[in-house]
Amino acid sequence: MDFQKVLTQNLEKLETDEVDESIYSDIANKYDIRNATFEEVKEIAQGLYGAGAITGLDLAILTFDYDRATRDIKQAANGLTSPNFTMYETNADTFGHRDWIAEFEARAAKDRQYGNFIGNANKNKIISILQLLER
């Protein structure tokens, strides 16, 4: 019941475009999107979704766990992948911080290169959202 209430509230915000624009500055003051961990990106995405600023698809794209997917692929490939194989397009620092705008720009470029125009459009939308969070 609570889930339905939350979902309905979020859908109503999206349908009426009633998004409090201060959500972007609030998040930008708390996080550096150009130097954030995946855990922080998940918190950012949840905050944006909770405010009705992004859709469920945007939330899914932002919170897809590339580390877990990389591990699953390596496990399924039984050692046939390079030890350095990763699904990420950019490098993180030793603490897991990454420039998420650059990461999504690289993902969009890869989608474009391989003719995945829907993926490219989705990544470009995410880039636009993340750029609203730049300090």
C-alpha atoms as a PDB file:
ATOM      1  CA  MET A   1       0.000   0.000   0.000  1.00  0.00           C
ATOM      2  CA  ASP A   2       2.770   2.493   0.878  1.00  0.00           C
ATOM      3  CA  PHE A   3       4.599   1.667  -2.363  1.00  0.00           C
ATOM      4  CA  GLN A   4       1.477   2.410  -4.372  1.00  0.00           C
ATOM      5  CA  LYS A   5       1.088   5.750  -2.594  1.00  0.00           C
ATOM      6  CA  VAL A   6       4.706   6.736  -3.274  1.00  0.00           C
ATOM      7  CA  LEU A   7       4.490   5.613  -6.906  1.00  0.00           C
ATOM      8  CA  THR A   8       1.253   7.507  -7.449  1.00  0.00           C
ATOM      9  CA  GLN A   9       2.722  10.685  -5.941  1.00  0.00           C
ATOM     10  CA  ASN A  10       5.796  10.429  -8.178  1.00  0.00           C
ATOM     11  CA  LEU A  11       3.688   9.813 -11.278  1.00  0.00           C
ATOM     12  CA  GLU A  12       1.481  12.788 -10.473  1.00  0.00           C
ATOM     13  CA  LYS A  13       4.569  15.016 -10.204  1.00  0.00           C
ATOM     14  CA  LEU A  14       5.844  13.792 -13.563  1.00  0.00           C
ATOM     15  CA  GLU A  15       2.479  14.208 -15.253  1.00  0.00           C
ATOM     16  CA  THR A  16       2.008  17.779 -14.019  1.00  0.00           C
ATOM     17  CA  ASP A  17       5.676  18.780 -14.232  1.00  0.00           C
ATOM     18  CA  GLU A  18       5.453  19.934 -10.616  1.00  0.00           C
ATOM     19  CA  VAL A  19       9.097  19.510  -9.744  1.00  0.00           C
ATOM     20  CA  ASP A  20      10.700  21.740  -7.171  1.00  0.00           C
ATOM     21  CA  GLU A  21      13.753  22.928  -9.103  1.00  0.00           C
ATOM     22  CA  SER A  22      15.650  23.459  -5.828  1.00  0.00           C
ATOM     23  CA  ILE A  23      16.241  19.692  -5.761  1.00  0.00           C
ATOM     24  CA  TYR A  24      19.097  20.181  -8.226  1.00  0.00           C
ATOM     25  CA  SER A  25      20.908  22.794  -6.150  1.00  0.00           C
ATOM     26  CA  ASP A  26      20.246  20.843  -2.940  1.00  0.00           C
ATOM     27  CA  ILE A  27      21.851  17.735  -4.434  1.00  0.00           C
ATOM     28  CA  ALA A  28      24.685  19.706  -6.063  1.00  0.00           C
ATOM     29  CA  ASN A  29      25.523  21.207  -2.670  1.00  0.00           C
ATOM     30  CA  LYS A  30      25.774  17.734  -1.158  1.00  0.00           C
ATOM     31  CA  TYR A  31      27.465  15.764  -3.973  1.00  0.00           C
ATOM     32  CA  ASP A  32      30.069  16.374  -6.662  1.00  0.00           C
ATOM     33  CA  ILE A  33      28.758  14.562  -9.741  1.00  0.00           C
ATOM     34  CA  ARG A  34      32.207  14.826 -11.313  1.00  0.00           C
ATOM     35  CA  ASN A  35      33.774  13.022  -8.342  1.00  0.00           C
ATOM     36  CA  ALA A  36      31.214  10.636  -6.853  1.00  0.00           C
ATOM     37  CA  THR A  37      30.997   6.969  -5.955  1.00  0.00           C
ATOM     38  CA  PHE A  38      28.326   4.678  -7.334  1.00  0.00           C
ATOM     39  CA  GLU A  39      26.702   4.645  -3.891  1.00  0.00           C
ATOM     40  CA  GLU A  40      26.449   8.432  -4.055  1.00  0.00           C
ATOM     41  CA  VAL A  41      24.976   8.254  -7.570  1.00  0.00           C
ATOM     42  CA  LYS A  42      22.327   5.871  -6.249  1.00  0.00           C
ATOM     43  CA  GLU A  43      21.486   8.369  -3.479  1.00  0.00           C
ATOM     44  CA  ILE A  44      21.339  11.188  -6.028  1.00  0.00           C
ATOM     45  CA  ALA A  45      19.067   9.162  -8.309  1.00  0.00           C
ATOM     46  CA  GLN A  46      16.753   8.244  -5.439  1.00  0.00           C
ATOM     47  CA  GLY A  47      16.548  11.894  -4.400  1.00  0.00           C
ATOM     48  CA  LEU A  48      15.716  13.010  -7.934  1.00  0.00           C
ATOM     49  CA  TYR A  49      13.171  10.243  -8.373  1.00  0.00           C
ATOM     50  CA  GLY A  50      11.578  10.984  -5.006  1.00  0.00           C
ATOM     51  CA  ALA A  51      11.226  14.627  -6.043  1.00  0.00           C
ATOM     52  CA  GLY A  52       9.622  13.598  -9.334  1.00  0.00           C
ATOM     53  CA  ALA A  53      12.519  15.070 -11.319  1.00  0.00           C
ATOM     54  CA  ILE A  54      13.363  11.833 -13.161  1.00  0.00           C
ATOM     55  CA  THR A  55      11.419   8.850 -14.452  1.00  0.00           C
ATOM     56  CA  GLY A  56      11.688   5.238 -13.409  1.00  0.00           C
ATOM     57  CA  LEU A  57      13.693   4.549 -16.571  1.00  0.00           C
ATOM     58  CA  ASP A  58      16.137   7.330 -15.668  1.00  0.00           C
ATOM     59  CA  LEU A  59      16.428   5.843 -12.180  1.00  0.00           C
ATOM     60  CA  ALA A  60      17.127   2.400 -13.634  1.00  0.00           C
ATOM     61  CA  ILE A  61      19.797   3.729 -16.002  1.00  0.00           C
ATOM     62  CA  LEU A  62      21.520   5.711 -13.253  1.00  0.00           C
ATOM     63  CA  THR A  63      21.478   2.870 -10.739  1.00  0.00           C
ATOM     64  CA  PHE A  64      22.361  -0.086 -12.972  1.00  0.00           C
ATOM     65  CA  ASP A  65      25.235  -1.790 -11.123  1.00  0.00           C
ATOM     66  CA  TYR A  66      28.065  -2.130 -13.651  1.00  0.00           C
ATOM     67  CA  ASP A  67      30.377  -3.615 -10.994  1.00  0.00           C
ATOM     68  CA  ARG A  68      27.942  -6.444 -10.306  1.00  0.00           C
ATOM     69  CA  ALA A  69      27.309  -6.970 -14.034  1.00  0.00           C
ATOM     70  CA  THR A  70      31.072  -7.127 -14.640  1.00  0.00           C
ATOM     71  CA  ARG A  71      31.469  -9.737 -11.883  1.00  0.00           C
ATOM     72  CA  ASP A  72      28.556 -11.787 -13.254  1.00  0.00           C
ATOM     73  CA  ILE A  73      29.996 -11.742 -16.785  1.00  0.00           C
ATOM     74  CA  LYS A  74      33.458 -12.744 -15.541  1.00  0.00           C
ATOM     75  CA  GLN A  75      31.954 -15.583 -13.528  1.00  0.00           C
ATOM     76  CA  ALA A  76      29.826 -16.809 -16.435  1.00  0.00           C
ATOM     77  CA  ALA A  77      32.796 -16.629 -18.822  1.00  0.00           C
ATOM     78  CA  ASN A  78      34.858 -18.975 -16.614  1.00  0.00           C
ATOM     79  CA  GLY A  79      38.115 -17.061 -16.985  1.00  0.00           C
ATOM     80  CA  LEU A  80      37.713 -16.251 -20.680  1.00  0.00           C
ATOM     81  CA  THR A  81      37.641 -12.493 -20.037  1.00  0.00           C
ATOM     82  CA  SER A  82      40.627 -10.283 -19.443  1.00  0.00           C
ATOM     83  CA  PRO A  83      41.395  -9.793 -15.742  1.00  0.00           C
ATOM     84  CA  ASN A  84      40.987  -6.055 -16.415  1.00  0.00           C
ATOM     85  CA  PHE A  85      37.575  -6.438 -18.079  1.00  0.00           C
ATOM     86  CA  THR A  86      35.019  -3.889 -16.913  1.00  0.00           C
ATOM     87  CA  MET A  87      31.724  -2.598 -18.221  1.00  0.00           C
ATOM     88  CA  TYR A  88      32.663   0.954 -17.212  1.00  0.00           C
ATOM     89  CA  GLU A  89      33.973   3.279 -19.898  1.00  0.00           C
ATOM     90  CA  THR A  90      35.996   5.501 -17.547  1.00  0.00           C
ATOM     91  CA  ASN A  91      38.285   4.846 -14.615  1.00  0.00           C
ATOM     92  CA  ALA A  92      37.497   5.456 -10.980  1.00  0.00           C
ATOM     93  CA  ASP A  93      40.048   6.559  -8.433  1.00  0.00           C
ATOM     94  CA  THR A  94      41.191   4.205  -5.679  1.00  0.00           C
ATOM     95  CA  PHE A  95      38.215   5.233  -3.547  1.00  0.00           C
ATOM     96  CA  GLY A  96      35.664   4.515  -6.292  1.00  0.00           C
ATOM     97  CA  HIS A  97      35.063   8.146  -7.269  1.00  0.00           C
ATOM     98  CA  ARG A  98      34.316   8.705 -10.924  1.00  0.00           C
ATOM     99  CA  ASP A  99      33.305  11.591 -13.180  1.00  0.00           C
ATOM    100  CA  TRP A 100      29.758  10.467 -13.940  1.00  0.00           C
ATOM    101  CA  ILE A 101      29.166  13.000 -16.676  1.00  0.00           C
ATOM    102  CA  ALA A 102      32.262  11.745 -18.499  1.00  0.00           C
ATOM    103  CA  GLU A 103      31.153   8.149 -17.879  1.00  0.00           C
ATOM    104  CA  PHE A 104      27.741   8.725 -19.451  1.00  0.00           C
ATOM    105  CA  GLU A 105      29.263  10.724 -22.309  1.00  0.00           C
ATOM    106  CA  ALA A 106      31.515   7.739 -23.050  1.00  0.00           C
ATOM    107  CA  ARG A 107      28.557   5.341 -22.828  1.00  0.00           C
ATOM    108  CA  ALA A 108      26.550   7.554 -25.202  1.00  0.00           C
ATOM    109  CA  ALA A 109      29.464   7.648 -27.654  1.00  0.00           C
ATOM    110  CA  LYS A 110      29.730   3.859 -27.544  1.00  0.00           C
ATOM    111  CA  ASP A 111      25.989   3.502 -28.165  1.00  0.00           C
ATOM    112  CA  ARG A 112      26.293   5.899 -31.111  1.00  0.00           C
ATOM    113  CA  GLN A 113      29.278   3.973 -32.482  1.00  0.00           C
ATOM    114  CA  TYR A 114      27.350   0.708 -32.460  1.00  0.00           C
ATOM    115  CA  GLY A 115      24.097   2.176 -33.786  1.00  0.00           C
ATOM    116  CA  ASN A 116      22.212   1.902 -30.499  1.00  0.00           C
ATOM    117  CA  PHE A 117      20.264   5.110 -31.018  1.00  0.00           C
ATOM    118  CA  ILE A 118      17.753   4.477 -28.234  1.00  0.00           C
ATOM    119  CA  GLY A 119      20.572   3.817 -25.767  1.00  0.00           C
ATOM    120  CA  ASN A 120      22.323   6.935 -27.022  1.00  0.00           C
ATOM    121  CA  ALA A 121      19.200   9.053 -26.527  1.00  0.00           C
ATOM    122  CA  ASN A 122      18.719   7.659 -23.006  1.00  0.00           C
ATOM    123  CA  LYS A 123      22.349   8.360 -22.085  1.00  0.00           C
ATOM    124  CA  ASN A 124      22.117  11.908 -23.481  1.00  0.00           C
ATOM    125  CA  LYS A 125      19.057  12.525 -21.320  1.00  0.00           C
ATOM    126  CA  ILE A 126      21.011  11.328 -18.276  1.00  0.00           C
ATOM    127  CA  ILE A 127      23.901  13.624 -19.228  1.00  0.00           C
ATOM    128  CA  SER A 128      21.485  16.571 -19.329  1.00  0.00           C
ATOM    129  CA  ILE A 129      20.159  15.661 -15.894  1.00  0.00           C
ATOM    130  CA  LEU A 130      23.645  15.267 -14.428  1.00  0.00           C
ATOM    131  CA  GLN A 131      24.759  18.586 -15.899  1.00  0.00           C
ATOM    132  CA  LEU A 132      22.026  20.251 -13.820  1.00  0.00           C
ATOM    133  CA  LEU A 133      23.902  18.940 -10.769  1.00  0.00           C
ATOM    134  CA  GLU A 134      27.272  20.467 -11.620  1.00  0.00           C
ATOM    135  CA  ARG A 135      28.612  22.953  -9.102  1.00  0.00           C
END
